[in-house]
Amino acid sequence: ETPTTSGPFSTDKKSDIMPLARDLLHPSLEEEKRMCKLKRLVQSPNSYFMDVKCPGCYKITTVFSHAQTVVLCVGCSTVLCQPTGGKARLTEGCSFRRKQH
């Protein structure tokens, strides 16, 4: 008589099997982004500069992604972003574009 293959230990699905070997020299882009900035194959920072467009006067201001102070618009003094523990939180309605280095 054949044993049943039901329950949490069933091996009838191919999708349940995880690969035992991972390619450490060629990680995927998603794995590379999730990894700590110092443990990446090539070290790169998590922070960046961005152009933020004010929803009121449409002026563009350059803001650091991990800004630690409140950033105001130069034209109309609207709050563009507020600091958090890590990345700065953009005000609702503000659009941004990551700057090229």
PDB file of N, CA and C in Angstrom:
ATOM      1  N   GLU A   1       0.843  -1.188   0.000  1.00  0.00           N
ATOM      2  CA  GLU A   1       0.000   0.000   0.000  1.00  0.00           C
ATOM      3  C   GLU A   1       0.886   1.247   0.000  1.00  0.00           C
ATOM      4  N   THR A   2       0.513   2.254  -0.786  1.00  0.00           N
ATOM      5  CA  THR A   2       1.325   3.468  -0.894  1.00  0.00           C
ATOM      6  C   THR A   2       0.973   4.443   0.222  1.00  0.00           C
ATOM      7  N   PRO A   3       1.972   5.136   0.766  1.00  0.00           N
ATOM      8  CA  PRO A   3       1.688   6.118   1.819  1.00  0.00           C
ATOM      9  C   PRO A   3       0.997   7.338   1.227  1.00  0.00           C
ATOM     10  N   THR A   4       0.178   7.979   2.032  1.00  0.00           N
ATOM     11  CA  THR A   4      -0.530   9.178   1.563  1.00  0.00           C
ATOM     12  C   THR A   4       0.414  10.376   1.592  1.00  0.00           C
ATOM     13  N   THR A   5       0.216  11.242   0.640  1.00  0.00           N
ATOM     14  CA  THR A   5       1.058  12.450   0.569  1.00  0.00           C
ATOM     15  C   THR A   5       0.194  13.676   0.803  1.00  0.00           C
ATOM     16  N   SER A   6      -0.397  13.752   1.966  1.00  0.00           N
ATOM     17  CA  SER A   6      -1.194  14.927   2.302  1.00  0.00           C
ATOM     18  C   SER A   6      -0.706  15.484   3.623  1.00  0.00           C
ATOM     19  N   GLY A   7      -1.041  16.710   3.889  1.00  0.00           N
ATOM     20  CA  GLY A   7      -0.608  17.338   5.125  1.00  0.00           C
ATOM     21  C   GLY A   7       0.534  18.295   4.877  1.00  0.00           C
ATOM     22  N   PRO A   8       1.145  18.789   5.955  1.00  0.00           N
ATOM     23  CA  PRO A   8       2.192  19.804   5.797  1.00  0.00           C
ATOM     24  C   PRO A   8       3.494  19.255   5.227  1.00  0.00           C
ATOM     25  N   PHE A   9       3.690  17.929   5.246  1.00  0.00           N
ATOM     26  CA  PHE A   9       4.954  17.354   4.788  1.00  0.00           C
ATOM     27  C   PHE A   9       4.823  16.704   3.422  1.00  0.00           C
ATOM     28  N   SER A  10       3.828  17.094   2.642  1.00  0.00           N
ATOM     29  CA  SER A  10       3.649  16.492   1.325  1.00  0.00           C
ATOM     30  C   SER A  10       4.749  16.981   0.394  1.00  0.00           C
ATOM     31  N   THR A  11       5.175  16.102  -0.489  1.00  0.00           N
ATOM     32  CA  THR A  11       6.252  16.429  -1.424  1.00  0.00           C
ATOM     33  C   THR A  11       5.793  16.293  -2.861  1.00  0.00           C
ATOM     34  N   ASP A  12       4.484  16.397  -3.101  1.00  0.00           N
ATOM     35  CA  ASP A  12       3.987  16.208  -4.451  1.00  0.00           C
ATOM     36  C   ASP A  12       4.062  17.477  -5.295  1.00  0.00           C
ATOM     37  N   LYS A  13       4.267  18.623  -4.700  1.00  0.00           N
ATOM     38  CA  LYS A  13       4.360  19.874  -5.455  1.00  0.00           C
ATOM     39  C   LYS A  13       5.821  20.220  -5.699  1.00  0.00           C
ATOM     40  N   LYS A  14       6.112  20.683  -6.910  1.00  0.00           N
ATOM     41  CA  LYS A  14       7.467  21.124  -7.230  1.00  0.00           C
ATOM     42  C   LYS A  14       7.742  22.517  -6.660  1.00  0.00           C
ATOM     43  N   SER A  15       6.685  23.321  -6.467  1.00  0.00           N
ATOM     44  CA  SER A  15       6.875  24.696  -5.999  1.00  0.00           C
ATOM     45  C   SER A  15       7.257  24.762  -4.523  1.00  0.00           C
ATOM     46  N   ASP A  16       7.020  23.676  -3.770  1.00  0.00           N
ATOM     47  CA  ASP A  16       7.361  23.668  -2.354  1.00  0.00           C
ATOM     48  C   ASP A  16       8.857  23.491  -2.123  1.00  0.00           C
ATOM     49  N   ILE A  17       9.564  22.998  -3.118  1.00  0.00           N
ATOM     50  CA  ILE A  17      10.988  22.698  -2.955  1.00  0.00           C
ATOM     51  C   ILE A  17      11.796  23.979  -3.121  1.00  0.00           C
ATOM     52  N   MET A  18      12.597  24.298  -2.102  1.00  0.00           N
ATOM     53  CA  MET A  18      13.474  25.465  -2.190  1.00  0.00           C
ATOM     54  C   MET A  18      14.843  25.014  -2.676  1.00  0.00           C
ATOM     55  N   PRO A  19      15.507  25.814  -3.476  1.00  0.00           N
ATOM     56  CA  PRO A  19      16.835  25.411  -3.942  1.00  0.00           C
ATOM     57  C   PRO A  19      17.833  25.426  -2.787  1.00  0.00           C
ATOM     58  N   LEU A  20      18.692  24.431  -2.780  1.00  0.00           N
ATOM     59  CA  LEU A  20      19.694  24.351  -1.715  1.00  0.00           C
ATOM     60  C   LEU A  20      20.870  25.271  -1.998  1.00  0.00           C
ATOM     61  N   ALA A  21      21.143  25.520  -3.264  1.00  0.00           N
ATOM     62  CA  ALA A  21      22.278  26.370  -3.622  1.00  0.00           C
ATOM     63  C   ALA A  21      21.775  27.697  -4.169  1.00  0.00           C
ATOM     64  N   ARG A  22      22.403  28.798  -3.719  1.00  0.00           N
ATOM     65  CA  ARG A  22      22.091  30.127  -4.237  1.00  0.00           C
ATOM     66  C   ARG A  22      23.331  30.697  -4.882  1.00  0.00           C
ATOM     67  N   ASP A  23      23.139  31.410  -5.956  1.00  0.00           N
ATOM     68  CA  ASP A  23      24.262  32.026  -6.647  1.00  0.00           C
ATOM     69  C   ASP A  23      24.628  33.320  -5.926  1.00  0.00           C
ATOM     70  N   LEU A  24      25.707  33.270  -5.141  1.00  0.00           N
ATOM     71  CA  LEU A  24      26.110  34.434  -4.351  1.00  0.00           C
ATOM     72  C   LEU A  24      26.818  35.494  -5.192  1.00  0.00           C
ATOM     73  N   LEU A  25      27.402  35.079  -6.310  1.00  0.00           N
ATOM     74  CA  LEU A  25      28.106  36.038  -7.154  1.00  0.00           C
ATOM     75  C   LEU A  25      27.177  36.810  -8.083  1.00  0.00           C
ATOM     76  N   HIS A  26      25.998  36.266  -8.348  1.00  0.00           N
ATOM     77  CA  HIS A  26      25.055  36.929  -9.252  1.00  0.00           C
ATOM     78  C   HIS A  26      23.681  37.027  -8.601  1.00  0.00           C
ATOM     79  N   PRO A  27      23.544  37.842  -7.544  1.00  0.00           N
ATOM     80  CA  PRO A  27      22.225  37.970  -6.898  1.00  0.00           C
ATOM     81  C   PRO A  27      21.268  38.762  -7.781  1.00  0.00           C
ATOM     82  N   SER A  28      19.981  38.514  -7.599  1.00  0.00           N
ATOM     83  CA  SER A  28      18.981  39.259  -8.371  1.00  0.00           C
ATOM     84  C   SER A  28      18.932  40.700  -7.863  1.00  0.00           C
ATOM     85  N   LEU A  29      18.316  41.562  -8.639  1.00  0.00           N
ATOM     86  CA  LEU A  29      18.237  42.979  -8.277  1.00  0.00           C
ATOM     87  C   LEU A  29      17.454  43.176  -6.987  1.00  0.00           C
ATOM     88  N   GLU A  30      16.395  42.361  -6.792  1.00  0.00           N
ATOM     89  CA  GLU A  30      15.585  42.460  -5.575  1.00  0.00           C
ATOM     90  C   GLU A  30      16.390  42.043  -4.347  1.00  0.00           C
ATOM     91  N   GLU A  31      17.150  40.955  -4.459  1.00  0.00           N
ATOM     92  CA  GLU A  31      17.976  40.504  -3.333  1.00  0.00           C
ATOM     93  C   GLU A  31      19.026  41.545  -2.988  1.00  0.00           C
ATOM     94  N   GLU A  32      19.597  42.164  -4.004  1.00  0.00           N
ATOM     95  CA  GLU A  32      20.646  43.167  -3.807  1.00  0.00           C
ATOM     96  C   GLU A  32      20.097  44.390  -3.071  1.00  0.00           C
ATOM     97  N   LYS A  33      18.879  44.818  -3.398  1.00  0.00           N
ATOM     98  CA  LYS A  33      18.278  45.984  -2.751  1.00  0.00           C
ATOM     99  C   LYS A  33      17.906  45.696  -1.301  1.00  0.00           C
ATOM    100  N   ARG A  34      17.458  44.465  -1.012  1.00  0.00           N
ATOM    101  CA  ARG A  34      17.047  44.116   0.351  1.00  0.00           C
ATOM    102  C   ARG A  34      18.240  43.971   1.287  1.00  0.00           C
ATOM    103  N   MET A  35      19.394  43.651   0.723  1.00  0.00           N
ATOM    104  CA  MET A  35      20.576  43.393   1.533  1.00  0.00           C
ATOM    105  C   MET A  35      21.092  44.677   2.199  1.00  0.00           C
ATOM    106  N   CYS A  36      21.779  44.514   3.310  1.00  0.00           N
ATOM    107  CA  CYS A  36      22.393  45.638   4.014  1.00  0.00           C
ATOM    108  C   CYS A  36      23.378  46.342   3.081  1.00  0.00           C
ATOM    109  N   LYS A  37      23.494  47.661   3.199  1.00  0.00           N
ATOM    110  CA  LYS A  37      24.333  48.427   2.269  1.00  0.00           C
ATOM    111  C   LYS A  37      25.804  48.033   2.324  1.00  0.00           C
ATOM    112  N   LEU A  38      26.252  47.464   3.433  1.00  0.00           N
ATOM    113  CA  LEU A  38      27.650  47.062   3.553  1.00  0.00           C
ATOM    114  C   LEU A  38      27.891  45.634   3.083  1.00  0.00           C
ATOM    115  N   LYS A  39      26.853  44.805   3.047  1.00  0.00           N
ATOM    116  CA  LYS A  39      27.010  43.398   2.665  1.00  0.00           C
ATOM    117  C   LYS A  39      26.742  43.150   1.190  1.00  0.00           C
ATOM    118  N   ARG A  40      26.428  44.197   0.434  1.00  0.00           N
ATOM    119  CA  ARG A  40      26.202  44.036  -0.998  1.00  0.00           C
ATOM    120  C   ARG A  40      27.505  43.685  -1.685  1.00  0.00           C
ATOM    121  N   LEU A  41      27.388  43.103  -2.878  1.00  0.00           N
ATOM    122  CA  LEU A  41      28.571  42.734  -3.647  1.00  0.00           C
ATOM    123  C   LEU A  41      29.424  43.971  -3.923  1.00  0.00           C
ATOM    124  N   VAL A  42      28.781  45.056  -4.331  1.00  0.00           N
ATOM    125  CA  VAL A  42      29.431  46.359  -4.462  1.00  0.00           C
ATOM    126  C   VAL A  42      28.679  47.294  -3.524  1.00  0.00           C
ATOM    127  N   GLN A  43      29.377  47.858  -2.547  1.00  0.00           N
ATOM    128  CA  GLN A  43      28.719  48.693  -1.547  1.00  0.00           C
ATOM    129  C   GLN A  43      28.109  49.929  -2.203  1.00  0.00           C
ATOM    130  N   SER A  44      26.871  50.221  -1.832  1.00  0.00           N
ATOM    131  CA  SER A  44      26.202  51.413  -2.357  1.00  0.00           C
ATOM    132  C   SER A  44      25.250  51.943  -1.297  1.00  0.00           C
ATOM    133  N   PRO A  45      25.097  53.263  -1.216  1.00  0.00           N
ATOM    134  CA  PRO A  45      24.243  53.839  -0.171  1.00  0.00           C
ATOM    135  C   PRO A  45      22.761  53.624  -0.454  1.00  0.00           C
ATOM    136  N   ASN A  46      21.948  53.708   0.602  1.00  0.00           N
ATOM    137  CA  ASN A  46      20.494  53.603   0.474  1.00  0.00           C
ATOM    138  C   ASN A  46      19.865  54.968   0.233  1.00  0.00           C
ATOM    139  N   SER A  47      20.619  56.034   0.444  1.00  0.00           N
ATOM    140  CA  SER A  47      20.069  57.388   0.352  1.00  0.00           C
ATOM    141  C   SER A  47      20.331  57.982  -1.031  1.00  0.00           C
ATOM    142  N   TYR A  48      19.590  59.021  -1.344  1.00  0.00           N
ATOM    143  CA  TYR A  48      19.718  59.679  -2.639  1.00  0.00           C
ATOM    144  C   TYR A  48      19.144  61.089  -2.534  1.00  0.00           C
ATOM    145  N   PHE A  49      19.437  61.923  -3.526  1.00  0.00           N
ATOM    146  CA  PHE A  49      18.847  63.252  -3.621  1.00  0.00           C
ATOM    147  C   PHE A  49      17.686  63.184  -4.602  1.00  0.00           C
ATOM    148  N   MET A  50      16.673  64.008  -4.369  1.00  0.00           N
ATOM    149  CA  MET A  50      15.512  63.994  -5.260  1.00  0.00           C
ATOM    150  C   MET A  50      15.012  65.410  -5.480  1.00  0.00           C
ATOM    151  N   ASP A  51      14.423  65.627  -6.645  1.00  0.00           N
ATOM    152  CA  ASP A  51      13.766  66.894  -6.962  1.00  0.00           C
ATOM    153  C   ASP A  51      12.312  66.764  -6.560  1.00  0.00           C
ATOM    154  N   VAL A  52      11.846  67.637  -5.660  1.00  0.00           N
ATOM    155  CA  VAL A  52      10.462  67.602  -5.189  1.00  0.00           C
ATOM    156  C   VAL A  52       9.734  68.814  -5.751  1.00  0.00           C
ATOM    157  N   LYS A  53       8.577  68.563  -6.382  1.00  0.00           N
ATOM    158  CA  LYS A  53       7.786  69.653  -6.960  1.00  0.00           C
ATOM    159  C   LYS A  53       6.688  70.042  -5.984  1.00  0.00           C
ATOM    160  N   CYS A  54       6.628  71.320  -5.669  1.00  0.00           N
ATOM    161  CA  CYS A  54       5.614  71.843  -4.753  1.00  0.00           C
ATOM    162  C   CYS A  54       4.248  71.800  -5.434  1.00  0.00           C
ATOM    163  N   PRO A  55       3.223  71.276  -4.754  1.00  0.00           N
ATOM    164  CA  PRO A  55       1.889  71.222  -5.372  1.00  0.00           C
ATOM    165  C   PRO A  55       1.220  72.594  -5.491  1.00  0.00           C
ATOM    166  N   GLY A  56       1.697  73.581  -4.725  1.00  0.00           N
ATOM    167  CA  GLY A  56       1.081  74.908  -4.752  1.00  0.00           C
ATOM    168  C   GLY A  56       1.618  75.798  -5.850  1.00  0.00           C
ATOM    169  N   CYS A  57       2.952  75.975  -5.879  1.00  0.00           N
ATOM    170  CA  CYS A  57       3.535  76.926  -6.835  1.00  0.00           C
ATOM    171  C   CYS A  57       4.358  76.238  -7.927  1.00  0.00           C
ATOM    172  N   TYR A  58       4.457  74.920  -7.892  1.00  0.00           N
ATOM    173  CA  TYR A  58       5.156  74.108  -8.905  1.00  0.00           C
ATOM    174  C   TYR A  58       6.643  74.407  -9.010  1.00  0.00           C
ATOM    175  N   LYS A  59       7.241  74.948  -7.934  1.00  0.00           N
ATOM    176  CA  LYS A  59       8.695  75.143  -7.924  1.00  0.00           C
ATOM    177  C   LYS A  59       9.356  73.830  -7.521  1.00  0.00           C
ATOM    178  N   ILE A  60      10.569  73.603  -8.025  1.00  0.00           N
ATOM    179  CA  ILE A  60      11.287  72.359  -7.751  1.00  0.00           C
ATOM    180  C   ILE A  60      12.383  72.628  -6.733  1.00  0.00           C
ATOM    181  N   THR A  61      12.432  71.803  -5.689  1.00  0.00           N
ATOM    182  CA  THR A  61      13.428  71.916  -4.627  1.00  0.00           C
ATOM    183  C   THR A  61      14.175  70.598  -4.525  1.00  0.00           C
ATOM    184  N   THR A  62      15.495  70.655  -4.339  1.00  0.00           N
ATOM    185  CA  THR A  62      16.290  69.445  -4.149  1.00  0.00           C
ATOM    186  C   THR A  62      16.274  69.067  -2.679  1.00  0.00           C
ATOM    187  N   VAL A  63      15.900  67.815  -2.392  1.00  0.00           N
ATOM    188  CA  VAL A  63      15.755  67.331  -1.018  1.00  0.00           C
ATOM    189  C   VAL A  63      16.522  66.025  -0.880  1.00  0.00           C
ATOM    190  N   PHE A  64      17.167  65.831   0.266  1.00  0.00           N
ATOM    191  CA  PHE A  64      17.840  64.570   0.583  1.00  0.00           C
ATOM    192  C   PHE A  64      16.788  63.561   1.025  1.00  0.00           C
ATOM    193  N   SER A  65      16.925  62.305   0.594  1.00  0.00           N
ATOM    194  CA  SER A  65      15.893  61.298   0.882  1.00  0.00           C
ATOM    195  C   SER A  65      15.756  61.007   2.372  1.00  0.00           C
ATOM    196  N   HIS A  66      16.836  61.148   3.126  1.00  0.00           N
ATOM    197  CA  HIS A  66      16.806  60.887   4.563  1.00  0.00           C
ATOM    198  C   HIS A  66      16.952  62.196   5.344  1.00  0.00           C
ATOM    199  N   ALA A  67      16.263  63.246   4.880  1.00  0.00           N
ATOM    200  CA  ALA A  67      16.363  64.568   5.513  1.00  0.00           C
ATOM    201  C   ALA A  67      15.936  64.491   6.976  1.00  0.00           C
ATOM    202  N   GLN A  68      16.670  65.187   7.836  1.00  0.00           N
ATOM    203  CA  GLN A  68      16.401  65.146   9.274  1.00  0.00           C
ATOM    204  C   GLN A  68      15.729  66.418   9.778  1.00  0.00           C
ATOM    205  N   THR A  69      15.426  67.337   8.869  1.00  0.00           N
ATOM    206  CA  THR A  69      14.714  68.558   9.241  1.00  0.00           C
ATOM    207  C   THR A  69      13.521  68.725   8.306  1.00  0.00           C
ATOM    208  N   VAL A  70      12.572  69.556   8.706  1.00  0.00           N
ATOM    209  CA  VAL A  70      11.422  69.850   7.856  1.00  0.00           C
ATOM    210  C   VAL A  70      11.900  70.715   6.696  1.00  0.00           C
ATOM    211  N   VAL A  71      11.558  70.332   5.468  1.00  0.00           N
ATOM    212  CA  VAL A  71      11.966  71.092   4.287  1.00  0.00           C
ATOM    213  C   VAL A  71      10.771  71.897   3.794  1.00  0.00           C
ATOM    214  N   LEU A  72      10.979  73.215   3.641  1.00  0.00           N
ATOM    215  CA  LEU A  72       9.919  74.116   3.186  1.00  0.00           C
ATOM    216  C   LEU A  72      10.165  74.526   1.740  1.00  0.00           C
ATOM    217  N   CYS A  73       9.084  74.844   1.038  1.00  0.00           N
ATOM    218  CA  CYS A  73       9.179  75.338  -0.338  1.00  0.00           C
ATOM    219  C   CYS A  73       9.774  76.745  -0.309  1.00  0.00           C
ATOM    220  N   VAL A  74      10.631  77.048  -1.278  1.00  0.00           N
ATOM    221  CA  VAL A  74      11.274  78.360  -1.324  1.00  0.00           C
ATOM    222  C   VAL A  74      10.270  79.436  -1.727  1.00  0.00           C
ATOM    223  N   GLY A  75       9.321  79.080  -2.582  1.00  0.00           N
ATOM    224  CA  GLY A  75       8.375  80.071  -3.087  1.00  0.00           C
ATOM    225  C   GLY A  75       7.243  80.381  -2.132  1.00  0.00           C
ATOM    226  N   CYS A  76       6.556  79.334  -1.628  1.00  0.00           N
ATOM    227  CA  CYS A  76       5.338  79.594  -0.848  1.00  0.00           C
ATOM    228  C   CYS A  76       5.413  79.070   0.583  1.00  0.00           C
ATOM    229  N   SER A  77       6.556  78.602   1.031  1.00  0.00           N
ATOM    230  CA  SER A  77       6.792  78.116   2.403  1.00  0.00           C
ATOM    231  C   SER A  77       5.867  76.964   2.811  1.00  0.00           C
ATOM    232  N   THR A  78       5.442  76.148   1.847  1.00  0.00           N
ATOM    233  CA  THR A  78       4.668  74.944   2.145  1.00  0.00           C
ATOM    234  C   THR A  78       5.625  73.859   2.615  1.00  0.00           C
ATOM    235  N   VAL A  79       5.200  73.020   3.568  1.00  0.00           N
ATOM    236  CA  VAL A  79       6.037  71.913   4.041  1.00  0.00           C
ATOM    237  C   VAL A  79       6.095  70.853   2.949  1.00  0.00           C
ATOM    238  N   LEU A  80       7.308  70.539   2.464  1.00  0.00           N
ATOM    239  CA  LEU A  80       7.468  69.536   1.412  1.00  0.00           C
ATOM    240  C   LEU A  80       7.677  68.141   1.981  1.00  0.00           C
ATOM    241  N   CYS A  81       8.465  68.029   3.064  1.00  0.00           N
ATOM    242  CA  CYS A  81       8.669  66.713   3.670  1.00  0.00           C
ATOM    243  C   CYS A  81       8.965  66.858   5.153  1.00  0.00           C
ATOM    244  N   GLN A  82       8.629  65.800   5.885  1.00  0.00           N
ATOM    245  CA  GLN A  82       8.851  65.768   7.325  1.00  0.00           C
ATOM    246  C   GLN A  82       9.764  64.600   7.655  1.00  0.00           C
ATOM    247  N   PRO A  83      10.673  64.772   8.617  1.00  0.00           N
ATOM    248  CA  PRO A  83      11.592  63.685   8.950  1.00  0.00           C
ATOM    249  C   PRO A  83      10.897  62.563   9.720  1.00  0.00           C
ATOM    250  N   THR A  84      11.368  61.347   9.507  1.00  0.00           N
ATOM    251  CA  THR A  84      10.961  60.189  10.309  1.00  0.00           C
ATOM    252  C   THR A  84      12.258  59.587  10.834  1.00  0.00           C
ATOM    253  N   GLY A  85      12.217  58.386  11.310  1.00  0.00           N
ATOM    254  CA  GLY A  85      13.437  57.741  11.793  1.00  0.00           C
ATOM    255  C   GLY A  85      14.404  57.423  10.672  1.00  0.00           C
ATOM    256  N   GLY A  86      13.883  57.178   9.460  1.00  0.00           N
ATOM    257  CA  GLY A  86      14.733  56.829   8.320  1.00  0.00           C
ATOM    258  C   GLY A  86      14.526  57.807   7.189  1.00  0.00           C
ATOM    259  N   LYS A  87      13.776  57.364   6.182  1.00  0.00           N
ATOM    260  CA  LYS A  87      13.503  58.239   5.044  1.00  0.00           C
ATOM    261  C   LYS A  87      12.518  59.332   5.433  1.00  0.00           C
ATOM    262  N   ALA A  88      12.645  60.480   4.767  1.00  0.00           N
ATOM    263  CA  ALA A  88      11.728  61.590   5.030  1.00  0.00           C
ATOM    264  C   ALA A  88      10.381  61.292   4.376  1.00  0.00           C
ATOM    265  N   ARG A  89       9.308  61.692   5.033  1.00  0.00           N
ATOM    266  CA  ARG A  89       7.960  61.460   4.503  1.00  0.00           C
ATOM    267  C   ARG A  89       7.532  62.678   3.697  1.00  0.00           C
ATOM    268  N   LEU A  90       7.227  62.468   2.411  1.00  0.00           N
ATOM    269  CA  LEU A  90       6.781  63.565   1.559  1.00  0.00           C
ATOM    270  C   LEU A  90       5.352  63.952   1.908  1.00  0.00           C
ATOM    271  N   THR A  91       5.054  65.241   1.794  1.00  0.00           N
ATOM    272  CA  THR A  91       3.700  65.729   2.024  1.00  0.00           C
ATOM    273  C   THR A  91       2.809  65.242   0.887  1.00  0.00           C
ATOM    274  N   GLU A  92       1.546  64.970   1.201  1.00  0.00           N
ATOM    275  CA  GLU A  92       0.612  64.476   0.191  1.00  0.00           C
ATOM    276  C   GLU A  92       0.444  65.509  -0.917  1.00  0.00           C
ATOM    277  N   GLY A  93       0.495  65.051  -2.146  1.00  0.00           N
ATOM    278  CA  GLY A  93       0.372  65.944  -3.299  1.00  0.00           C
ATOM    279  C   GLY A  93       1.709  66.305  -3.919  1.00  0.00           C
ATOM    280  N   CYS A  94       2.809  66.111  -3.179  1.00  0.00           N
ATOM    281  CA  CYS A  94       4.141  66.400  -3.710  1.00  0.00           C
ATOM    282  C   CYS A  94       4.583  65.263  -4.626  1.00  0.00           C
ATOM    283  N   SER A  95       5.120  65.622  -5.772  1.00  0.00           N
ATOM    284  CA  SER A  95       5.694  64.609  -6.654  1.00  0.00           C
ATOM    285  C   SER A  95       7.209  64.761  -6.615  1.00  0.00           C
ATOM    286  N   PHE A  96       7.920  63.645  -6.821  1.00  0.00           N
ATOM    287  CA  PHE A  96       9.377  63.699  -6.752  1.00  0.00           C
ATOM    288  C   PHE A  96       9.988  62.892  -7.880  1.00  0.00           C
ATOM    289  N   ARG A  97      11.247  63.211  -8.184  1.00  0.00           N
ATOM    290  CA  ARG A  97      12.020  62.479  -9.175  1.00  0.00           C
ATOM    291  C   ARG A  97      13.410  62.269  -8.595  1.00  0.00           C
ATOM    292  N   ARG A  98      13.881  61.050  -8.632  1.00  0.00           N
ATOM    293  CA  ARG A  98      15.209  60.735  -8.119  1.00  0.00           C
ATOM    294  C   ARG A  98      16.261  61.369  -9.020  1.00  0.00           C
ATOM    295  N   LYS A  99      17.246  62.041  -8.409  1.00  0.00           N
ATOM    296  CA  LYS A  99      18.283  62.719  -9.195  1.00  0.00           C
ATOM    297  C   LYS A  99      19.310  61.718  -9.696  1.00  0.00           C
ATOM    298  N   GLN A 100      19.844  61.979 -10.875  1.00  0.00           N
ATOM    299  CA  GLN A 100      20.924  61.154 -11.422  1.00  0.00           C
ATOM    300  C   GLN A 100      22.241  61.630 -10.824  1.00  0.00           C
ATOM    301  N   HIS A 101      23.117  60.691 -10.478  1.00  0.00           N
ATOM    302  CA  HIS A 101      24.396  61.082  -9.876  1.00  0.00           C
ATOM    303  C   HIS A 101      25.483  61.272 -10.876  1.00  0.00           C
TER     304      HIS A 101
END
